[in-house]
Amino acid sequence: RSVDLVMHAERDSDRLFSPASCFWQINRELLLGLAGMRALLMELAQPLIAAGVAKHSDFRKRPFKRLYRTMRLMSCITFGSRKAARLAVQRIHQCHSSVHGELRQPAGCHRSGRFYNANDPQLKLWVLATLIDSSLCIYELFVRPASVEEKESYYQDSRRMALLVGITSARMPADYCSFAAYLQTMLSGGTLVVGAPAQEVAAALLVGPLRGRIV
């Protein structure tokens, strides 16, 4: 079981992100919990990610375990102390270290036998991108529209988070406009294909009734 990172955060006011920042103000909205499911479904459209989730998680018994863990660790990085953030990053790396393998069947441009690794920066970028886009989408849908300046500020803090989880500045789009272009390329460029592993994981998430433990 992971260390209780929230307790570490409460004892340490030295935080990575300011409570006055757009990043903090947007992410603190409880409704952003809805962003996690949207982000996860987008992640699964990447066949290499879907293959890793299908093979290396117990989604059939605990379909929401990975989602809950991801949202919890991201919250610790966003709202916690620097110590809590370091622990969260270590936990993410530990969870990813054993997630690697090969595609069992081709999916779009991804050939059968292609190697995947959860610590691949390109896959990490897509995961983080789905969280950024989904958070802004849910915020604008249920709270209020965000200005161009707010989106840019939010995105620049997201780039700081990217560095923490092993995505270099050179790989991360430089500004929100470039990020939006990256998203559009991913959504229309043929990289995303909803294959059998993605469908199986999504079915476990979306088809009730909910059974078993969440975590």
N, C-alpha and C. Protein backbone atom coordinates (compact mmCIF):
# COMPACT_ATOMS: atom_id res chain seq x y z
N ARG A 1 0.87 -1.20 0.00
CA ARG A 1 0.00 0.00 0.00
C ARG A 1 0.89 1.23 0.00
N SER A 2 0.53 2.28 -0.77
CA SER A 2 1.34 3.48 -0.87
C SER A 2 1.29 4.29 0.42
N VAL A 3 2.32 5.11 0.61
CA VAL A 3 2.38 6.00 1.77
C VAL A 3 1.23 7.00 1.67
N ASP A 4 0.72 7.43 2.81
CA ASP A 4 -0.37 8.41 2.78
C ASP A 4 0.22 9.78 2.43
N LEU A 5 0.25 10.08 1.15
CA LEU A 5 0.90 11.29 0.67
C LEU A 5 0.18 12.55 1.13
N VAL A 6 -1.12 12.46 1.31
CA VAL A 6 -1.88 13.64 1.70
C VAL A 6 -1.42 14.14 3.07
N MET A 7 -1.13 13.23 3.99
CA MET A 7 -0.66 13.63 5.31
C MET A 7 0.66 14.37 5.21
N HIS A 8 1.55 13.90 4.33
CA HIS A 8 2.81 14.61 4.14
C HIS A 8 2.54 16.03 3.65
N ALA A 9 1.58 16.17 2.75
CA ALA A 9 1.27 17.49 2.20
C ALA A 9 0.76 18.43 3.28
N GLU A 10 -0.04 17.92 4.21
CA GLU A 10 -0.62 18.75 5.24
C GLU A 10 0.44 19.27 6.21
N ARG A 11 1.55 18.55 6.35
CA ARG A 11 2.59 18.95 7.30
C ARG A 11 3.63 19.86 6.67
N ASP A 12 3.55 20.12 5.36
CA ASP A 12 4.61 20.84 4.68
C ASP A 12 3.97 21.86 3.73
N SER A 13 4.26 23.14 3.97
CA SER A 13 3.68 24.20 3.15
C SER A 13 4.54 24.55 1.94
N ASP A 14 5.66 23.91 1.77
CA ASP A 14 6.55 24.18 0.64
C ASP A 14 6.03 23.43 -0.58
N ARG A 15 5.19 24.07 -1.37
CA ARG A 15 4.50 23.40 -2.46
C ARG A 15 5.09 23.76 -3.81
N LEU A 16 4.86 22.89 -4.78
CA LEU A 16 5.33 23.12 -6.14
C LEU A 16 4.46 24.15 -6.86
N PHE A 17 3.17 24.17 -6.56
CA PHE A 17 2.24 25.04 -7.26
C PHE A 17 1.54 25.97 -6.27
N SER A 18 1.41 27.21 -6.66
CA SER A 18 0.81 28.21 -5.79
C SER A 18 -0.71 28.09 -5.76
N PRO A 19 -1.32 28.25 -4.57
CA PRO A 19 -2.79 28.26 -4.50
C PRO A 19 -3.41 29.38 -5.32
N ALA A 20 -2.64 30.41 -5.68
CA ALA A 20 -3.16 31.52 -6.47
C ALA A 20 -3.10 31.24 -7.97
N SER A 21 -2.45 30.16 -8.37
CA SER A 21 -2.27 29.87 -9.80
C SER A 21 -3.55 29.32 -10.42
N CYS A 22 -3.67 29.50 -11.75
CA CYS A 22 -4.80 28.91 -12.48
C CYS A 22 -4.79 27.40 -12.35
N PHE A 23 -3.61 26.84 -12.32
CA PHE A 23 -3.47 25.38 -12.21
C PHE A 23 -4.14 24.87 -10.95
N TRP A 24 -3.88 25.55 -9.83
CA TRP A 24 -4.48 25.17 -8.55
C TRP A 24 -5.98 25.45 -8.55
N GLN A 25 -6.36 26.65 -9.01
CA GLN A 25 -7.76 27.06 -8.95
C GLN A 25 -8.66 26.17 -9.80
N ILE A 26 -8.17 25.75 -10.95
CA ILE A 26 -8.97 24.88 -11.82
C ILE A 26 -9.02 23.46 -11.26
N ASN A 27 -7.88 22.95 -10.86
CA ASN A 27 -7.82 21.55 -10.40
C ASN A 27 -8.51 21.32 -9.06
N ARG A 28 -8.74 22.37 -8.30
CA ARG A 28 -9.37 22.18 -6.99
C ARG A 28 -10.87 21.90 -7.09
N GLU A 29 -11.47 22.16 -8.25
CA GLU A 29 -12.90 21.93 -8.43
C GLU A 29 -13.21 20.44 -8.32
N LEU A 30 -14.13 20.09 -7.43
CA LEU A 30 -14.45 18.68 -7.21
C LEU A 30 -14.99 18.01 -8.47
N LEU A 31 -15.66 18.79 -9.30
CA LEU A 31 -16.23 18.23 -10.53
C LEU A 31 -15.15 17.70 -11.48
N LEU A 32 -13.89 18.12 -11.27
CA LEU A 32 -12.84 17.64 -12.16
C LEU A 32 -12.55 16.16 -11.96
N GLY A 33 -13.16 15.58 -10.92
CA GLY A 33 -13.07 14.13 -10.79
C GLY A 33 -13.65 13.42 -12.01
N LEU A 34 -14.59 14.10 -12.69
CA LEU A 34 -15.18 13.53 -13.90
C LEU A 34 -14.18 13.47 -15.05
N ALA A 35 -13.14 14.29 -14.98
CA ALA A 35 -12.15 14.31 -16.06
C ALA A 35 -11.38 13.00 -16.15
N GLY A 36 -11.24 12.31 -15.03
CA GLY A 36 -10.44 11.09 -15.01
C GLY A 36 -10.96 10.02 -15.94
N MET A 37 -12.28 9.81 -15.95
CA MET A 37 -12.85 8.78 -16.81
C MET A 37 -12.68 9.14 -18.28
N ARG A 38 -12.92 10.40 -18.63
CA ARG A 38 -12.73 10.82 -20.02
C ARG A 38 -11.28 10.62 -20.45
N ALA A 39 -10.36 11.03 -19.58
CA ALA A 39 -8.93 10.89 -19.89
C ALA A 39 -8.55 9.42 -20.08
N LEU A 40 -9.06 8.56 -19.21
CA LEU A 40 -8.72 7.15 -19.30
C LEU A 40 -9.21 6.54 -20.61
N LEU A 41 -10.41 6.87 -21.02
CA LEU A 41 -10.93 6.34 -22.28
C LEU A 41 -10.11 6.84 -23.47
N MET A 42 -9.65 8.08 -23.40
CA MET A 42 -8.78 8.60 -24.45
C MET A 42 -7.43 7.88 -24.46
N GLU A 43 -6.89 7.62 -23.28
CA GLU A 43 -5.62 6.88 -23.17
C GLU A 43 -5.72 5.51 -23.83
N LEU A 44 -6.84 4.84 -23.58
CA LEU A 44 -7.01 3.47 -24.08
C LEU A 44 -7.08 3.40 -25.60
N ALA A 45 -7.35 4.53 -26.24
CA ALA A 45 -7.38 4.55 -27.70
C ALA A 45 -5.97 4.44 -28.29
N GLN A 46 -4.95 4.58 -27.44
CA GLN A 46 -3.57 4.33 -27.87
C GLN A 46 -3.30 2.85 -27.62
N PRO A 47 -3.16 2.04 -28.68
CA PRO A 47 -3.06 0.58 -28.51
C PRO A 47 -1.95 0.11 -27.58
N LEU A 48 -0.82 0.82 -27.55
CA LEU A 48 0.28 0.41 -26.68
C LEU A 48 -0.09 0.60 -25.22
N ILE A 49 -0.81 1.68 -24.92
CA ILE A 49 -1.27 1.91 -23.56
C ILE A 49 -2.35 0.90 -23.19
N ALA A 50 -3.28 0.68 -24.10
CA ALA A 50 -4.35 -0.29 -23.83
C ALA A 50 -3.79 -1.68 -23.56
N ALA A 51 -2.77 -2.07 -24.33
CA ALA A 51 -2.17 -3.39 -24.13
C ALA A 51 -1.54 -3.50 -22.74
N GLY A 52 -0.88 -2.42 -22.31
CA GLY A 52 -0.26 -2.43 -20.98
C GLY A 52 -1.28 -2.50 -19.87
N VAL A 53 -2.36 -1.73 -20.00
CA VAL A 53 -3.42 -1.74 -18.99
C VAL A 53 -4.09 -3.12 -18.93
N ALA A 54 -4.37 -3.68 -20.10
CA ALA A 54 -5.07 -4.97 -20.15
C ALA A 54 -4.23 -6.10 -19.55
N LYS A 55 -2.92 -6.05 -19.79
CA LYS A 55 -2.06 -7.14 -19.33
C LYS A 55 -1.59 -6.98 -17.90
N HIS A 56 -1.37 -5.75 -17.47
CA HIS A 56 -0.68 -5.54 -16.20
C HIS A 56 -1.56 -4.95 -15.10
N SER A 57 -2.87 -4.95 -15.28
CA SER A 57 -3.75 -4.49 -14.22
C SER A 57 -4.84 -5.52 -13.97
N ASP A 58 -5.44 -5.44 -12.79
CA ASP A 58 -6.53 -6.36 -12.46
C ASP A 58 -7.87 -5.67 -12.69
N PHE A 59 -8.03 -5.08 -13.90
CA PHE A 59 -9.20 -4.27 -14.19
C PHE A 59 -10.51 -5.06 -14.12
N ARG A 60 -10.44 -6.39 -14.32
CA ARG A 60 -11.68 -7.19 -14.29
C ARG A 60 -12.27 -7.22 -12.87
N LYS A 61 -11.40 -7.25 -11.85
CA LYS A 61 -11.87 -7.27 -10.47
C LYS A 61 -11.99 -5.87 -9.88
N ARG A 62 -11.07 -4.99 -10.25
CA ARG A 62 -11.05 -3.64 -9.72
C ARG A 62 -10.92 -2.64 -10.88
N PRO A 63 -11.98 -2.41 -11.61
CA PRO A 63 -11.90 -1.61 -12.83
C PRO A 63 -11.45 -0.16 -12.62
N PHE A 64 -11.69 0.37 -11.41
CA PHE A 64 -11.35 1.78 -11.18
C PHE A 64 -10.05 1.96 -10.41
N LYS A 65 -9.33 0.89 -10.15
CA LYS A 65 -8.11 1.00 -9.35
C LYS A 65 -7.09 1.91 -10.00
N ARG A 66 -6.80 1.71 -11.31
CA ARG A 66 -5.78 2.51 -11.98
C ARG A 66 -6.21 3.97 -12.05
N LEU A 67 -7.49 4.21 -12.36
CA LEU A 67 -7.99 5.57 -12.44
C LEU A 67 -7.86 6.28 -11.10
N TYR A 68 -8.28 5.62 -10.04
CA TYR A 68 -8.20 6.21 -8.70
C TYR A 68 -6.76 6.51 -8.34
N ARG A 69 -5.86 5.59 -8.61
CA ARG A 69 -4.45 5.78 -8.26
C ARG A 69 -3.85 6.95 -9.03
N THR A 70 -4.16 7.03 -10.33
CA THR A 70 -3.63 8.13 -11.14
C THR A 70 -4.12 9.47 -10.63
N MET A 71 -5.41 9.60 -10.37
CA MET A 71 -5.97 10.87 -9.91
C MET A 71 -5.43 11.24 -8.53
N ARG A 72 -5.23 10.25 -7.70
CA ARG A 72 -4.69 10.52 -6.35
C ARG A 72 -3.26 11.03 -6.43
N LEU A 73 -2.45 10.38 -7.24
CA LEU A 73 -1.05 10.79 -7.34
C LEU A 73 -0.92 12.16 -8.00
N MET A 74 -1.75 12.43 -9.02
CA MET A 74 -1.72 13.75 -9.65
C MET A 74 -2.14 14.83 -8.66
N SER A 75 -3.11 14.53 -7.80
CA SER A 75 -3.54 15.49 -6.79
C SER A 75 -2.44 15.77 -5.78
N CYS A 76 -1.68 14.75 -5.43
CA CYS A 76 -0.57 14.94 -4.49
C CYS A 76 0.50 15.83 -5.07
N ILE A 77 0.76 15.69 -6.36
CA ILE A 77 1.75 16.55 -7.02
C ILE A 77 1.23 17.97 -7.09
N THR A 78 -0.05 18.14 -7.41
CA THR A 78 -0.64 19.47 -7.58
C THR A 78 -0.78 20.22 -6.27
N PHE A 79 -1.33 19.58 -5.25
CA PHE A 79 -1.68 20.27 -4.02
C PHE A 79 -0.74 19.99 -2.86
N GLY A 80 0.10 18.98 -2.99
CA GLY A 80 0.93 18.57 -1.87
C GLY A 80 2.23 19.34 -1.74
N SER A 81 2.98 18.99 -0.75
CA SER A 81 4.30 19.57 -0.53
C SER A 81 5.28 19.02 -1.57
N ARG A 82 6.46 19.60 -1.62
CA ARG A 82 7.49 19.07 -2.52
C ARG A 82 7.83 17.63 -2.15
N LYS A 83 7.81 17.33 -0.87
CA LYS A 83 8.09 15.97 -0.42
C LYS A 83 7.01 15.02 -0.91
N ALA A 84 5.75 15.44 -0.79
CA ALA A 84 4.64 14.61 -1.26
C ALA A 84 4.74 14.40 -2.76
N ALA A 85 5.12 15.44 -3.49
CA ALA A 85 5.26 15.33 -4.94
C ALA A 85 6.35 14.35 -5.31
N ARG A 86 7.47 14.41 -4.61
CA ARG A 86 8.57 13.47 -4.89
C ARG A 86 8.13 12.03 -4.64
N LEU A 87 7.41 11.81 -3.56
CA LEU A 87 6.91 10.47 -3.26
C LEU A 87 5.93 9.99 -4.33
N ALA A 88 5.08 10.91 -4.80
CA ALA A 88 4.12 10.55 -5.84
C ALA A 88 4.83 10.18 -7.13
N VAL A 89 5.84 10.96 -7.50
CA VAL A 89 6.60 10.66 -8.73
C VAL A 89 7.31 9.31 -8.61
N GLN A 90 7.87 9.05 -7.44
CA GLN A 90 8.52 7.75 -7.22
C GLN A 90 7.51 6.61 -7.36
N ARG A 91 6.33 6.84 -6.83
CA ARG A 91 5.29 5.81 -6.90
C ARG A 91 4.87 5.56 -8.35
N ILE A 92 4.74 6.63 -9.12
CA ILE A 92 4.38 6.48 -10.53
C ILE A 92 5.44 5.67 -11.27
N HIS A 93 6.71 6.00 -11.02
CA HIS A 93 7.80 5.29 -11.69
C HIS A 93 7.80 3.80 -11.28
N GLN A 94 7.56 3.53 -10.01
CA GLN A 94 7.53 2.15 -9.55
C GLN A 94 6.40 1.37 -10.22
N CYS A 95 5.24 2.00 -10.32
CA CYS A 95 4.09 1.34 -10.96
C CYS A 95 4.38 1.04 -12.43
N HIS A 96 5.11 1.95 -13.09
CA HIS A 96 5.39 1.79 -14.51
C HIS A 96 6.53 0.84 -14.81
N SER A 97 7.42 0.63 -13.85
CA SER A 97 8.67 -0.08 -14.13
C SER A 97 8.46 -1.51 -14.61
N SER A 98 7.39 -2.14 -14.21
CA SER A 98 7.14 -3.53 -14.61
C SER A 98 6.15 -3.66 -15.76
N VAL A 99 5.67 -2.52 -16.27
CA VAL A 99 4.66 -2.54 -17.33
C VAL A 99 5.35 -2.41 -18.69
N HIS A 100 5.61 -3.55 -19.30
CA HIS A 100 6.22 -3.58 -20.63
C HIS A 100 5.87 -4.93 -21.27
N GLY A 101 5.94 -4.95 -22.59
CA GLY A 101 5.60 -6.18 -23.30
C GLY A 101 5.49 -5.91 -24.79
N GLU A 102 4.74 -6.76 -25.48
CA GLU A 102 4.57 -6.63 -26.92
C GLU A 102 3.09 -6.71 -27.28
N LEU A 103 2.72 -6.01 -28.35
CA LEU A 103 1.36 -6.11 -28.86
C LEU A 103 1.11 -7.53 -29.37
N ARG A 104 -0.01 -8.09 -29.00
CA ARG A 104 -0.33 -9.45 -29.44
C ARG A 104 -0.96 -9.48 -30.82
N GLN A 105 -1.55 -8.37 -31.22
CA GLN A 105 -2.18 -8.29 -32.53
C GLN A 105 -2.03 -6.88 -33.07
N PRO A 106 -1.99 -6.71 -34.40
CA PRO A 106 -1.82 -5.37 -34.96
C PRO A 106 -3.02 -4.49 -34.66
N ALA A 107 -2.76 -3.17 -34.60
CA ALA A 107 -3.83 -2.20 -34.37
C ALA A 107 -3.48 -0.93 -35.13
N GLY A 108 -4.16 -0.72 -36.24
CA GLY A 108 -3.87 0.45 -37.05
C GLY A 108 -2.44 0.44 -37.55
N CYS A 109 -1.69 1.51 -37.25
CA CYS A 109 -0.30 1.60 -37.69
C CYS A 109 0.66 0.84 -36.79
N HIS A 110 0.13 0.23 -35.72
CA HIS A 110 0.97 -0.49 -34.76
C HIS A 110 1.00 -1.97 -35.13
N ARG A 111 2.16 -2.45 -35.48
CA ARG A 111 2.29 -3.84 -35.93
C ARG A 111 2.29 -4.80 -34.75
N SER A 112 1.90 -6.02 -35.02
CA SER A 112 1.94 -7.09 -34.02
C SER A 112 3.39 -7.31 -33.58
N GLY A 113 3.59 -7.46 -32.29
CA GLY A 113 4.92 -7.67 -31.75
C GLY A 113 5.65 -6.40 -31.37
N ARG A 114 5.04 -5.24 -31.62
CA ARG A 114 5.69 -3.97 -31.27
C ARG A 114 5.84 -3.87 -29.75
N PHE A 115 7.00 -3.45 -29.33
CA PHE A 115 7.30 -3.36 -27.90
C PHE A 115 6.67 -2.10 -27.30
N TYR A 116 6.18 -2.22 -26.07
CA TYR A 116 5.68 -1.06 -25.34
C TYR A 116 6.29 -1.03 -23.95
N ASN A 117 6.40 0.15 -23.40
CA ASN A 117 6.97 0.36 -22.07
C ASN A 117 6.25 1.56 -21.46
N ALA A 118 5.71 1.40 -20.29
CA ALA A 118 4.92 2.46 -19.66
C ALA A 118 5.76 3.70 -19.34
N ASN A 119 7.09 3.56 -19.26
CA ASN A 119 7.95 4.70 -19.01
C ASN A 119 8.41 5.37 -20.30
N ASP A 120 7.89 4.95 -21.44
CA ASP A 120 8.18 5.60 -22.72
C ASP A 120 7.66 7.04 -22.66
N PRO A 121 8.54 8.05 -22.84
CA PRO A 121 8.09 9.45 -22.74
C PRO A 121 6.97 9.79 -23.71
N GLN A 122 6.96 9.16 -24.87
CA GLN A 122 5.90 9.45 -25.85
C GLN A 122 4.54 8.98 -25.34
N LEU A 123 4.51 7.83 -24.68
CA LEU A 123 3.26 7.35 -24.10
C LEU A 123 2.87 8.19 -22.88
N LYS A 124 3.87 8.57 -22.09
CA LYS A 124 3.60 9.43 -20.94
C LYS A 124 3.00 10.77 -21.39
N LEU A 125 3.51 11.28 -22.51
CA LEU A 125 2.99 12.54 -23.03
C LEU A 125 1.51 12.43 -23.38
N TRP A 126 1.13 11.32 -24.02
CA TRP A 126 -0.28 11.16 -24.37
C TRP A 126 -1.15 11.04 -23.12
N VAL A 127 -0.67 10.31 -22.12
CA VAL A 127 -1.43 10.18 -20.87
C VAL A 127 -1.63 11.55 -20.23
N LEU A 128 -0.55 12.32 -20.12
CA LEU A 128 -0.66 13.64 -19.50
C LEU A 128 -1.54 14.56 -20.35
N ALA A 129 -1.42 14.46 -21.67
CA ALA A 129 -2.23 15.29 -22.56
C ALA A 129 -3.71 15.03 -22.36
N THR A 130 -4.08 13.77 -22.17
CA THR A 130 -5.50 13.46 -21.96
C THR A 130 -6.01 14.06 -20.65
N LEU A 131 -5.15 14.09 -19.64
CA LEU A 131 -5.54 14.67 -18.36
C LEU A 131 -5.68 16.19 -18.46
N ILE A 132 -4.74 16.83 -19.15
CA ILE A 132 -4.81 18.28 -19.33
C ILE A 132 -6.07 18.65 -20.09
N ASP A 133 -6.28 18.02 -21.24
CA ASP A 133 -7.42 18.35 -22.08
C ASP A 133 -8.74 18.05 -21.38
N SER A 134 -8.80 16.91 -20.70
CA SER A 134 -10.05 16.54 -20.02
C SER A 134 -10.36 17.46 -18.86
N SER A 135 -9.33 17.88 -18.13
CA SER A 135 -9.54 18.80 -17.00
C SER A 135 -10.10 20.12 -17.48
N LEU A 136 -9.51 20.67 -18.53
CA LEU A 136 -10.01 21.93 -19.07
C LEU A 136 -11.42 21.77 -19.66
N CYS A 137 -11.65 20.65 -20.31
CA CYS A 137 -12.96 20.39 -20.91
C CYS A 137 -14.06 20.34 -19.84
N ILE A 138 -13.81 19.59 -18.77
CA ILE A 138 -14.81 19.46 -17.70
C ILE A 138 -14.99 20.79 -16.98
N TYR A 139 -13.90 21.51 -16.77
CA TYR A 139 -14.00 22.82 -16.10
C TYR A 139 -14.87 23.76 -16.90
N GLU A 140 -14.64 23.83 -18.19
CA GLU A 140 -15.42 24.75 -19.03
C GLU A 140 -16.86 24.29 -19.18
N LEU A 141 -17.08 23.00 -19.14
CA LEU A 141 -18.44 22.48 -19.31
C LEU A 141 -19.30 22.72 -18.08
N PHE A 142 -18.70 22.58 -16.88
CA PHE A 142 -19.50 22.62 -15.65
C PHE A 142 -19.24 23.83 -14.76
N VAL A 143 -18.13 24.52 -14.95
CA VAL A 143 -17.82 25.66 -14.07
C VAL A 143 -17.99 26.97 -14.83
N ARG A 144 -17.07 27.24 -15.73
CA ARG A 144 -17.16 28.46 -16.54
C ARG A 144 -16.13 28.39 -17.65
N PRO A 145 -16.30 29.18 -18.71
CA PRO A 145 -15.29 29.22 -19.77
C PRO A 145 -13.97 29.77 -19.24
N ALA A 146 -12.87 29.21 -19.71
CA ALA A 146 -11.54 29.69 -19.33
C ALA A 146 -11.02 30.60 -20.44
N SER A 147 -10.37 31.69 -20.05
CA SER A 147 -9.83 32.61 -21.04
C SER A 147 -8.58 32.01 -21.69
N VAL A 148 -8.16 32.59 -22.79
CA VAL A 148 -6.95 32.16 -23.47
C VAL A 148 -5.76 32.24 -22.52
N GLU A 149 -5.71 33.33 -21.74
CA GLU A 149 -4.61 33.52 -20.79
C GLU A 149 -4.64 32.45 -19.69
N GLU A 150 -5.82 32.10 -19.22
CA GLU A 150 -5.93 31.08 -18.18
C GLU A 150 -5.50 29.71 -18.71
N LYS A 151 -5.91 29.41 -19.93
CA LYS A 151 -5.50 28.13 -20.52
C LYS A 151 -3.99 28.06 -20.68
N GLU A 152 -3.40 29.16 -21.09
CA GLU A 152 -1.95 29.19 -21.26
C GLU A 152 -1.24 29.01 -19.92
N SER A 153 -1.73 29.72 -18.90
CA SER A 153 -1.15 29.60 -17.57
C SER A 153 -1.28 28.17 -17.04
N TYR A 154 -2.46 27.60 -17.22
CA TYR A 154 -2.70 26.21 -16.78
C TYR A 154 -1.75 25.26 -17.51
N TYR A 155 -1.60 25.48 -18.79
CA TYR A 155 -0.74 24.58 -19.57
C TYR A 155 0.72 24.72 -19.18
N GLN A 156 1.19 25.92 -18.92
CA GLN A 156 2.59 26.10 -18.54
C GLN A 156 2.90 25.39 -17.22
N ASP A 157 1.97 25.41 -16.28
CA ASP A 157 2.17 24.64 -15.05
C ASP A 157 2.11 23.14 -15.33
N SER A 158 1.32 22.75 -16.30
CA SER A 158 1.27 21.33 -16.70
C SER A 158 2.62 20.89 -17.26
N ARG A 159 3.32 21.79 -17.93
CA ARG A 159 4.66 21.48 -18.44
C ARG A 159 5.64 21.24 -17.29
N ARG A 160 5.46 21.95 -16.21
CA ARG A 160 6.29 21.71 -15.02
C ARG A 160 6.02 20.31 -14.47
N MET A 161 4.74 19.93 -14.45
CA MET A 161 4.41 18.58 -14.00
C MET A 161 5.01 17.54 -14.94
N ALA A 162 5.02 17.83 -16.22
CA ALA A 162 5.58 16.90 -17.20
C ALA A 162 7.04 16.61 -16.90
N LEU A 163 7.80 17.63 -16.54
CA LEU A 163 9.21 17.42 -16.20
C LEU A 163 9.36 16.47 -15.02
N LEU A 164 8.47 16.61 -14.05
CA LEU A 164 8.53 15.76 -12.85
C LEU A 164 8.36 14.28 -13.20
N VAL A 165 7.50 13.99 -14.17
CA VAL A 165 7.20 12.59 -14.49
C VAL A 165 8.04 12.06 -15.65
N GLY A 166 9.05 12.82 -16.06
CA GLY A 166 9.99 12.30 -17.03
C GLY A 166 9.75 12.66 -18.48
N ILE A 167 9.00 13.73 -18.72
CA ILE A 167 8.77 14.21 -20.09
C ILE A 167 9.59 15.48 -20.26
N THR A 168 10.53 15.48 -21.15
CA THR A 168 11.43 16.62 -21.31
C THR A 168 10.71 17.82 -21.93
N SER A 169 11.28 19.01 -21.71
CA SER A 169 10.71 20.23 -22.28
C SER A 169 10.70 20.17 -23.80
N ALA A 170 11.72 19.55 -24.38
CA ALA A 170 11.81 19.46 -25.83
C ALA A 170 10.68 18.62 -26.41
N ARG A 171 10.22 17.62 -25.67
CA ARG A 171 9.16 16.73 -26.16
C ARG A 171 7.77 17.35 -25.93
N MET A 172 7.62 18.12 -24.89
CA MET A 172 6.33 18.71 -24.54
C MET A 172 6.09 19.95 -25.40
N PRO A 173 4.92 20.09 -26.03
CA PRO A 173 4.63 21.30 -26.81
C PRO A 173 4.91 22.56 -25.99
N ALA A 174 5.43 23.59 -26.66
CA ALA A 174 5.93 24.77 -25.96
C ALA A 174 4.84 25.65 -25.36
N ASP A 175 3.67 25.70 -25.99
CA ASP A 175 2.59 26.55 -25.50
C ASP A 175 1.25 25.87 -25.75
N TYR A 176 0.18 26.51 -25.25
CA TYR A 176 -1.13 25.87 -25.35
C TYR A 176 -1.57 25.70 -26.80
N CYS A 177 -1.24 26.65 -27.65
CA CYS A 177 -1.61 26.55 -29.07
C CYS A 177 -0.94 25.33 -29.70
N SER A 178 0.34 25.13 -29.40
CA SER A 178 1.06 23.96 -29.92
C SER A 178 0.50 22.67 -29.33
N PHE A 179 0.08 22.73 -28.08
CA PHE A 179 -0.52 21.57 -27.43
C PHE A 179 -1.83 21.19 -28.12
N ALA A 180 -2.65 22.20 -28.44
CA ALA A 180 -3.92 21.94 -29.13
C ALA A 180 -3.66 21.31 -30.50
N ALA A 181 -2.60 21.76 -31.17
CA ALA A 181 -2.25 21.19 -32.47
C ALA A 181 -1.79 19.74 -32.31
N TYR A 182 -1.04 19.46 -31.24
CA TYR A 182 -0.61 18.08 -30.96
C TYR A 182 -1.83 17.18 -30.74
N LEU A 183 -2.79 17.66 -29.96
CA LEU A 183 -4.01 16.89 -29.71
C LEU A 183 -4.73 16.57 -31.02
N GLN A 184 -4.87 17.58 -31.87
CA GLN A 184 -5.57 17.38 -33.12
C GLN A 184 -4.84 16.37 -34.00
N THR A 185 -3.52 16.42 -34.01
CA THR A 185 -2.73 15.45 -34.78
C THR A 185 -2.94 14.04 -34.25
N MET A 186 -2.95 13.90 -32.94
CA MET A 186 -3.17 12.58 -32.34
C MET A 186 -4.56 12.05 -32.66
N LEU A 187 -5.56 12.92 -32.61
CA LEU A 187 -6.94 12.49 -32.82
C LEU A 187 -7.26 12.16 -34.27
N SER A 188 -6.49 12.73 -35.19
CA SER A 188 -6.82 12.54 -36.61
C SER A 188 -5.70 11.87 -37.41
N GLY A 189 -4.57 11.55 -36.75
CA GLY A 189 -3.41 11.09 -37.50
C GLY A 189 -3.26 9.60 -37.65
N GLY A 190 -4.18 8.80 -37.11
CA GLY A 190 -4.10 7.35 -37.27
C GLY A 190 -3.36 6.62 -36.17
N THR A 191 -2.80 7.36 -35.20
CA THR A 191 -2.10 6.72 -34.09
C THR A 191 -3.06 6.04 -33.13
N LEU A 192 -4.24 6.61 -32.98
CA LEU A 192 -5.23 6.09 -32.04
C LEU A 192 -6.16 5.11 -32.74
N VAL A 193 -6.26 3.93 -32.16
CA VAL A 193 -7.12 2.87 -32.70
C VAL A 193 -7.74 2.14 -31.51
N VAL A 194 -9.06 2.03 -31.49
CA VAL A 194 -9.72 1.33 -30.39
C VAL A 194 -9.77 -0.15 -30.73
N GLY A 195 -8.82 -0.89 -30.18
CA GLY A 195 -8.75 -2.32 -30.43
C GLY A 195 -9.43 -3.14 -29.35
N ALA A 196 -9.27 -4.46 -29.43
CA ALA A 196 -9.94 -5.36 -28.49
C ALA A 196 -9.54 -5.12 -27.04
N PRO A 197 -8.23 -4.92 -26.72
CA PRO A 197 -7.88 -4.66 -25.32
C PRO A 197 -8.55 -3.41 -24.76
N ALA A 198 -8.60 -2.35 -25.56
CA ALA A 198 -9.25 -1.12 -25.11
C ALA A 198 -10.74 -1.35 -24.87
N GLN A 199 -11.38 -2.10 -25.76
CA GLN A 199 -12.80 -2.37 -25.61
C GLN A 199 -13.08 -3.19 -24.36
N GLU A 200 -12.20 -4.12 -24.06
CA GLU A 200 -12.39 -4.97 -22.88
C GLU A 200 -12.26 -4.16 -21.60
N VAL A 201 -11.25 -3.30 -21.54
CA VAL A 201 -11.07 -2.47 -20.34
C VAL A 201 -12.22 -1.48 -20.21
N ALA A 202 -12.62 -0.85 -21.31
CA ALA A 202 -13.72 0.10 -21.27
C ALA A 202 -15.02 -0.56 -20.83
N ALA A 203 -15.24 -1.79 -21.28
CA ALA A 203 -16.46 -2.50 -20.89
C ALA A 203 -16.49 -2.74 -19.38
N ALA A 204 -15.33 -3.05 -18.81
CA ALA A 204 -15.26 -3.27 -17.36
C ALA A 204 -15.55 -1.99 -16.60
N LEU A 205 -15.18 -0.85 -17.19
CA LEU A 205 -15.42 0.44 -16.54
C LEU A 205 -16.86 0.91 -16.67
N LEU A 206 -17.46 0.65 -17.83
CA LEU A 206 -18.74 1.26 -18.15
C LEU A 206 -19.95 0.36 -17.98
N VAL A 207 -19.75 -0.95 -17.92
CA VAL A 207 -20.87 -1.87 -17.81
C VAL A 207 -21.08 -2.24 -16.35
N GLY A 208 -22.24 -1.91 -15.79
CA GLY A 208 -22.55 -2.21 -14.39
C GLY A 208 -23.07 -3.63 -14.23
N PRO A 209 -23.42 -4.00 -13.00
CA PRO A 209 -23.26 -3.17 -11.81
C PRO A 209 -21.82 -3.15 -11.31
N LEU A 210 -21.46 -2.12 -10.53
CA LEU A 210 -20.13 -2.01 -9.96
C LEU A 210 -19.95 -3.08 -8.89
N ARG A 211 -18.87 -3.86 -9.05
CA ARG A 211 -18.61 -4.94 -8.09
C ARG A 211 -17.17 -4.85 -7.62
N GLY A 212 -16.91 -5.36 -6.43
CA GLY A 212 -15.55 -5.43 -5.91
C GLY A 212 -15.05 -4.11 -5.37
N ARG A 213 -13.79 -4.11 -4.93
CA ARG A 213 -13.16 -2.94 -4.34
C ARG A 213 -12.72 -1.97 -5.43
N ILE A 214 -12.74 -0.68 -5.11
CA ILE A 214 -12.25 0.34 -6.04
C ILE A 214 -10.74 0.33 -6.09
N VAL A 215 -10.10 0.18 -4.92
CA VAL A 215 -8.63 0.22 -4.84
C VAL A 215 -8.11 -1.08 -4.28
